[in-house]
Amino acid sequence: MSTVSDAAGQFGRNEKLGAVLVFGSAFFWSFGGAIARFLAMDDAWAVIFWRCLFAAVFLFFFMLFRDGIRGTISMFLNMGWPGGMVATSFTIATTCFIVAINYTTVANVVLIQAGVPLFAALGSRVFYRERISPLTWASIATVIAGVAIMMSEKLNGSVSPVGDALALMIALVFATTTVLTRRYPNVRMTPAACLGGVVAALIASTQAVTLAVTPEQLGILYVFGVFNLGLGMALFVTGARLIPSALAALLGTAETMLSPVWVAIFNGEIPDVRAIIGGTLILAALLAYLTAEFRRQQKLAAAR
């Protein structure tokens, strides 16, 4: 009996740790808009190159520090097709975003990406029979509504088949990453994220007009790549394998909620009323879901 109880307690602790790590990834990713405001570069492909390069280098040295040379090499060799899929998804997401905003608005892209929790939940249900509770579905619907409210004033009403299709592609590949990371918890996805950053940087290098930047801009790009993208990705791929896919995707929407806050603090751009209402709705949905889920786990552990 004690063994079962200990296992249940360990499971609960792992899920809490996973939730904290995934929320941490959303926290660091949410600084992206504020950091980008400090960049004075016209060539978006050059931004992709330096950002992804710095992120890949950070992830590589992070693995060396944590796992050593042999461990790092072993992770690259053993990541298999799930790791290859995650690397491909990371490459597609980081490159498609820049191309997408050349055809449609950032608000349109963000609104479409709000479907990530829904896609992740459906993927987990269809392919891996992972049960999705009514509370999860309700939380997903509430989060999507909150994002819609946040972005409603910024939507231009026009439809761009290319831009919106690319935004949908970003949402689908990120949902795929979430599901695969959860489905294969024994496969370390950090090398996959590192590889995806390298490939994205290589692609960007062929499209950029010039890769030359000033020292000041290089410093901003370093922060953009290491702390915003690299650290965020390291936290996500570590935490997403410990929690259900739908929960990981839900926690990721905290990025949308927090982004306007940092832009207001660091760039002086005060969010409008709709952004505040939508962000509050997202926060309420996340807190309600997490509170109910952790109470459920405590009751299950006590019953055993």
Protein backbone atom coordinates (compact mmCIF):
# COMPACT_ATOMS: atom_id res chain seq x y z
CA MET A 1 0.00 0.00 0.00
CA SER A 2 2.79 2.43 0.91
CA THR A 3 4.53 1.72 -2.40
CA VAL A 4 1.42 2.68 -4.37
CA SER A 5 0.97 5.81 -2.27
CA ASP A 6 4.61 6.79 -2.73
CA ALA A 7 4.32 6.29 -6.48
CA ALA A 8 1.19 8.43 -6.59
CA GLY A 9 2.94 11.14 -4.60
CA GLN A 10 5.93 11.02 -6.91
CA PHE A 11 3.63 11.30 -9.91
CA GLY A 12 1.96 14.34 -8.39
CA ARG A 13 5.31 15.98 -7.66
CA ASN A 14 6.48 15.34 -11.22
CA GLU A 15 3.36 16.94 -12.65
CA LYS A 16 3.76 19.99 -10.43
CA LEU A 17 7.40 20.33 -11.48
CA GLY A 18 6.40 19.94 -15.12
CA ALA A 19 3.72 22.61 -14.78
CA VAL A 20 6.20 25.03 -13.17
CA LEU A 21 8.78 24.43 -15.93
CA VAL A 22 6.29 24.87 -18.76
CA PHE A 23 4.91 28.03 -17.19
CA GLY A 24 8.51 29.20 -16.84
CA SER A 25 9.02 28.67 -20.57
CA ALA A 26 5.95 30.80 -21.32
CA PHE A 27 7.29 33.42 -18.90
CA PHE A 28 10.60 33.75 -20.75
CA TRP A 29 8.97 33.55 -24.18
CA SER A 30 6.60 36.36 -23.21
CA PHE A 31 9.50 38.85 -23.23
CA GLY A 32 9.87 38.41 -26.99
CA GLY A 33 7.70 41.37 -27.97
CA ALA A 34 9.39 43.73 -25.50
CA ILE A 35 12.89 42.68 -26.64
CA ALA A 36 11.97 42.98 -30.32
CA ARG A 37 10.94 46.61 -29.74
CA PHE A 38 14.60 47.44 -29.00
CA LEU A 39 15.82 46.01 -32.31
CA ALA A 40 16.48 48.48 -35.13
CA MET A 41 16.93 45.98 -37.96
CA ASP A 42 15.02 45.94 -41.24
CA ASP A 43 16.09 42.44 -42.28
CA ALA A 44 13.91 39.97 -40.39
CA TRP A 45 15.93 37.02 -41.67
CA ALA A 46 19.06 38.42 -40.01
CA VAL A 47 17.11 38.56 -36.74
CA ILE A 48 16.11 34.91 -37.18
CA PHE A 49 19.71 33.91 -37.88
CA TRP A 50 21.25 35.52 -34.82
CA ARG A 51 18.37 34.64 -32.51
CA CYS A 52 18.33 30.95 -33.48
CA LEU A 53 22.12 30.71 -33.52
CA PHE A 54 22.43 32.10 -30.00
CA ALA A 55 19.60 29.81 -28.83
CA ALA A 56 21.27 26.73 -30.35
CA VAL A 57 24.65 27.57 -28.81
CA PHE A 58 23.02 28.10 -25.41
CA LEU A 59 21.18 24.77 -25.59
CA PHE A 60 24.37 22.96 -26.64
CA PHE A 61 26.39 24.30 -23.72
CA PHE A 62 23.44 23.71 -21.39
CA MET A 63 23.55 20.02 -22.34
CA LEU A 64 27.33 19.89 -21.95
CA PHE A 65 27.06 21.36 -18.46
CA ARG A 66 24.21 19.08 -17.42
CA ASP A 67 25.14 15.81 -19.14
CA GLY A 68 28.80 16.09 -20.13
CA ILE A 69 30.30 15.42 -23.56
CA ARG A 70 29.40 11.73 -23.67
CA GLY A 71 25.87 12.35 -22.41
CA THR A 72 25.31 15.11 -24.96
CA ILE A 73 26.53 12.97 -27.85
CA SER A 74 24.39 10.09 -26.63
CA MET A 75 21.26 12.27 -26.52
CA PHE A 76 21.81 13.44 -30.09
CA LEU A 77 22.31 9.87 -31.30
CA ASN A 78 19.32 8.47 -29.39
CA MET A 79 16.67 11.12 -29.97
CA GLY A 80 15.28 9.05 -32.86
CA TRP A 81 12.37 10.05 -35.04
CA PRO A 82 10.48 11.84 -32.21
CA GLY A 83 13.48 14.13 -31.76
CA GLY A 84 13.72 14.62 -35.51
CA MET A 85 10.06 15.64 -35.59
CA VAL A 86 10.55 18.11 -32.74
CA ALA A 87 13.60 19.59 -34.49
CA THR A 88 11.60 19.97 -37.70
CA SER A 89 8.70 21.54 -35.84
CA PHE A 90 11.02 24.03 -34.14
CA THR A 91 12.56 24.97 -37.49
CA ILE A 92 9.17 25.41 -39.16
CA ALA A 93 7.70 27.46 -36.31
CA THR A 94 10.60 29.90 -36.04
CA THR A 95 10.85 30.50 -39.80
CA CYS A 96 7.14 30.53 -40.63
CA PHE A 97 6.43 33.22 -38.04
CA ILE A 98 8.57 35.84 -39.78
CA VAL A 99 7.17 34.96 -43.20
CA ALA A 100 3.61 34.95 -41.86
CA ILE A 101 3.76 38.48 -40.47
CA ASN A 102 4.85 39.71 -43.90
CA TYR A 103 1.42 38.66 -45.18
CA THR A 104 -0.87 39.22 -42.20
CA THR A 105 -0.85 41.03 -38.87
CA VAL A 106 0.79 39.78 -35.68
CA ALA A 107 -2.64 39.87 -34.04
CA ASN A 108 -4.03 37.45 -36.65
CA VAL A 109 -1.08 35.11 -36.11
CA VAL A 110 -1.43 35.17 -32.31
CA LEU A 111 -5.17 34.55 -32.50
CA ILE A 112 -4.72 31.50 -34.73
CA GLN A 113 -1.96 30.19 -32.45
CA ALA A 114 -4.44 30.26 -29.57
CA GLY A 115 -5.70 27.01 -31.05
CA VAL A 116 -2.56 25.16 -29.89
CA PRO A 117 -4.22 23.75 -26.72
CA LEU A 118 -7.15 22.49 -28.79
CA PHE A 119 -4.90 20.86 -31.41
CA ALA A 120 -2.71 19.28 -28.70
CA ALA A 121 -5.74 17.90 -26.87
CA LEU A 122 -7.24 16.49 -30.06
CA GLY A 123 -3.91 14.96 -31.11
CA SER A 124 -3.43 13.29 -27.74
CA ARG A 125 -6.97 11.96 -27.82
CA VAL A 126 -6.93 10.66 -31.40
CA PHE A 127 -3.43 9.18 -31.60
CA TYR A 128 -2.67 8.17 -28.01
CA ARG A 129 -6.10 7.84 -26.37
CA GLU A 130 -5.16 10.34 -23.67
CA ARG A 131 -8.35 11.24 -21.80
CA ILE A 132 -9.33 14.90 -21.91
CA SER A 133 -11.53 15.95 -18.99
CA PRO A 134 -14.53 18.30 -19.35
CA LEU A 135 -12.61 20.81 -17.21
CA THR A 136 -9.76 20.79 -19.75
CA TRP A 137 -12.13 21.39 -22.66
CA ALA A 138 -13.79 24.23 -20.77
CA SER A 139 -10.41 25.77 -19.96
CA ILE A 140 -9.32 25.54 -23.61
CA ALA A 141 -12.51 27.26 -24.75
CA THR A 142 -12.08 30.00 -22.14
CA VAL A 143 -8.45 30.62 -23.12
CA ILE A 144 -9.34 30.88 -26.82
CA ALA A 145 -12.11 33.33 -25.92
CA GLY A 146 -9.67 35.36 -23.82
CA VAL A 147 -7.16 35.59 -26.68
CA ALA A 148 -9.95 36.58 -29.07
CA ILE A 149 -10.96 39.42 -26.75
CA MET A 150 -7.34 40.56 -26.37
CA MET A 151 -6.80 40.71 -30.12
CA SER A 152 -10.28 41.77 -31.31
CA GLU A 153 -9.42 45.47 -31.54
CA LYS A 154 -6.21 44.78 -33.47
CA LEU A 155 -7.62 42.43 -36.10
CA ASN A 156 -7.75 44.13 -39.50
CA GLY A 157 -10.65 42.04 -40.76
CA SER A 158 -8.79 40.97 -43.90
CA VAL A 159 -7.94 37.40 -44.75
CA SER A 160 -4.55 36.43 -46.14
CA PRO A 161 -4.56 32.80 -47.31
CA VAL A 162 -0.75 32.62 -47.20
CA GLY A 163 -0.26 34.41 -43.87
CA ASP A 164 -3.12 32.66 -42.09
CA ALA A 165 -2.09 29.27 -43.48
CA LEU A 166 1.44 29.78 -42.16
CA ALA A 167 0.05 30.83 -38.76
CA LEU A 168 -2.07 27.68 -38.71
CA MET A 169 1.04 25.66 -39.59
CA ILE A 170 2.86 27.17 -36.58
CA ALA A 171 0.00 26.17 -34.28
CA LEU A 172 -0.11 22.63 -35.67
CA VAL A 173 3.64 21.98 -35.42
CA PHE A 174 3.83 23.41 -31.90
CA ALA A 175 0.92 21.19 -30.84
CA THR A 176 2.79 18.25 -32.42
CA THR A 177 5.89 19.11 -30.40
CA THR A 178 3.82 19.20 -27.22
CA VAL A 179 2.22 15.81 -27.87
CA LEU A 180 5.47 14.09 -28.88
CA THR A 181 7.35 15.46 -25.88
CA ARG A 182 4.66 14.08 -23.59
CA ARG A 183 4.34 10.76 -25.44
CA TYR A 184 8.08 9.98 -25.36
CA PRO A 185 9.20 11.19 -21.90
CA ASN A 186 12.33 9.03 -21.99
CA VAL A 187 13.62 10.76 -25.11
CA ARG A 188 15.40 14.01 -24.25
CA MET A 189 14.13 16.71 -26.59
CA THR A 190 16.75 19.36 -25.77
CA PRO A 191 19.10 18.17 -28.56
CA ALA A 192 16.16 18.29 -30.95
CA ALA A 193 15.50 21.92 -30.05
CA CYS A 194 19.20 22.65 -30.48
CA LEU A 195 19.24 21.01 -33.91
CA GLY A 196 16.11 22.89 -34.92
CA GLY A 197 17.79 26.18 -34.01
CA VAL A 198 20.83 25.32 -36.13
CA VAL A 199 18.69 24.43 -39.16
CA ALA A 200 16.58 27.58 -38.78
CA ALA A 201 19.75 29.69 -38.59
CA LEU A 202 21.13 28.04 -41.72
CA ILE A 203 17.91 28.70 -43.63
CA ALA A 204 17.87 32.32 -42.48
CA SER A 205 21.50 32.80 -43.52
CA THR A 206 20.54 32.00 -47.12
CA GLN A 207 17.71 34.56 -47.09
CA ALA A 208 19.27 37.46 -45.18
CA VAL A 209 20.62 40.39 -47.15
CA THR A 210 23.41 40.84 -44.62
CA LEU A 211 24.30 39.32 -41.27
CA ALA A 212 26.35 42.33 -40.14
CA VAL A 213 25.01 44.02 -37.00
CA THR A 214 26.24 46.66 -34.58
CA PRO A 215 27.62 45.58 -31.18
CA GLU A 216 24.58 47.11 -29.45
CA GLN A 217 22.15 45.20 -31.66
CA LEU A 218 24.19 42.03 -31.22
CA GLY A 219 23.81 42.33 -27.46
CA ILE A 220 20.03 42.62 -27.81
CA LEU A 221 20.00 39.64 -30.18
CA TYR A 222 22.02 37.66 -27.62
CA VAL A 223 19.34 38.27 -24.97
CA PHE A 224 16.66 37.55 -27.58
CA GLY A 225 18.23 34.20 -28.46
CA VAL A 226 19.60 32.95 -25.13
CA PHE A 227 17.08 34.04 -22.52
CA ASN A 228 13.94 34.46 -24.60
CA LEU A 229 14.17 31.55 -27.04
CA GLY A 230 16.87 29.17 -25.76
CA LEU A 231 16.07 29.13 -22.05
CA GLY A 232 12.35 29.08 -22.80
CA MET A 233 12.77 26.08 -25.08
CA ALA A 234 14.96 24.23 -22.54
CA LEU A 235 12.30 24.66 -19.86
CA PHE A 236 9.48 23.64 -22.19
CA VAL A 237 10.98 20.40 -23.53
CA THR A 238 11.98 19.43 -19.98
CA GLY A 239 8.60 20.12 -18.41
CA ALA A 240 6.22 19.09 -21.20
CA ARG A 241 7.18 15.42 -20.86
CA LEU A 242 5.94 15.42 -17.23
CA ILE A 243 2.40 16.71 -17.75
CA PRO A 244 -0.58 16.01 -20.07
CA SER A 245 -0.29 17.59 -23.51
CA ALA A 246 -3.42 19.71 -23.10
CA LEU A 247 -2.15 21.15 -19.81
CA ALA A 248 1.26 21.96 -21.34
CA ALA A 249 -0.41 23.78 -24.22
CA LEU A 250 -2.75 25.62 -21.84
CA LEU A 251 0.16 26.83 -19.70
CA GLY A 252 1.90 27.98 -22.87
CA THR A 253 -0.88 30.50 -23.46
CA ALA A 254 0.44 32.44 -20.47
CA GLU A 255 2.89 33.89 -23.01
CA THR A 256 0.03 35.70 -24.72
CA MET A 257 -1.26 36.97 -21.38
CA LEU A 258 2.11 38.26 -20.12
CA SER A 259 3.47 39.80 -23.34
CA PRO A 260 1.42 43.03 -23.11
CA VAL A 261 2.55 43.44 -19.48
CA TRP A 262 6.26 43.51 -20.36
CA VAL A 263 5.67 45.76 -23.37
CA ALA A 264 3.86 48.19 -21.07
CA ILE A 265 6.63 48.11 -18.45
CA PHE A 266 9.69 48.25 -20.70
CA ASN A 267 8.35 50.05 -23.78
CA GLY A 268 5.62 52.25 -22.32
CA GLU A 269 2.89 50.74 -24.50
CA ILE A 270 -0.13 50.56 -22.21
CA PRO A 271 -2.52 47.72 -23.14
CA ASP A 272 -6.09 48.62 -23.98
CA VAL A 273 -9.13 47.58 -22.00
CA ARG A 274 -9.80 44.54 -24.18
CA ALA A 275 -6.26 43.25 -23.65
CA ILE A 276 -6.69 43.57 -19.88
CA ILE A 277 -10.08 41.81 -19.92
CA GLY A 278 -8.82 39.00 -22.17
CA GLY A 279 -5.63 38.54 -20.15
CA THR A 280 -7.60 38.37 -16.91
CA LEU A 281 -9.88 35.74 -18.45
CA ILE A 282 -6.89 33.63 -19.52
CA LEU A 283 -5.30 33.93 -16.08
CA ALA A 284 -8.56 32.96 -14.35
CA ALA A 285 -8.95 29.91 -16.60
CA LEU A 286 -5.39 28.73 -15.96
CA LEU A 287 -5.61 29.23 -12.20
CA ALA A 288 -8.99 27.49 -11.98
CA TYR A 289 -7.72 24.54 -14.01
CA LEU A 290 -4.50 24.14 -12.04
CA THR A 291 -6.25 24.44 -8.68
CA ALA A 292 -8.87 21.84 -9.60
CA GLU A 293 -6.30 19.48 -11.13
CA PHE A 294 -3.91 19.55 -8.17
CA ARG A 295 -6.78 19.05 -5.71
CA ARG A 296 -7.86 16.04 -7.76
CA GLN A 297 -4.35 14.58 -7.57
CA GLN A 298 -4.22 15.11 -3.81
CA LYS A 299 -7.52 13.28 -3.37
CA LEU A 300 -6.31 10.38 -5.54
CA ALA A 301 -3.06 10.13 -3.57
CA ALA A 302 -4.94 10.20 -0.24
CA ALA A 303 -7.41 7.53 -1.43
CA ARG A 304 -4.55 5.18 -2.29
